[in-house]
Amino acid sequence: QVQLVESGGGLVQAGGSLRLSCAASERTFNNYGMGWFRQAPGKEREFVATISWSGGITYYADSVKGRFTISRDNAKNTVYLQMNSLSPDDTAVYYCAARRDLFRSSSWARQGDGMDYWGKGTLVNVSS
């Protein structure tokens, strides 16, 4: 069982930046593909970004491409989401998720399909 704990959310003005962190309990963290997702009020959860076990492959939703960067530090069992040029449309609860074989299929990885483990989320609130 992998436990994931997100942190770094908060209130930020439009145009600002935040960095989210997700700490994993699993000592074999580096075997997992990781992803970030978000759910805005009244909307369904949506894919944001994924990263391969080595960090060498990343995918992003079109809505965040060029503004958000996913990265990982396997020595610290942590995955990050650097968010720049934030807008009120980015307001949501952000979730971290893991799947061991995520990058076995590029179609899975491009959308973050079938994630096995989820954190409880961290709220990002972007004011206009």
Foldseek 3Di string as FASTA:
>chain_A
DKAKAKDWADEAAAQAKTKMKIAIPDLVLLLKKKFKWWDDPPGDIFGAKIAHSVRPDMAGDPVQPPFWDWGDDSVRRMIMIIGGRDDQVPWTWMKMFIDRCQVVDVVCRNGVPDTDDIYPTDTHGYHD
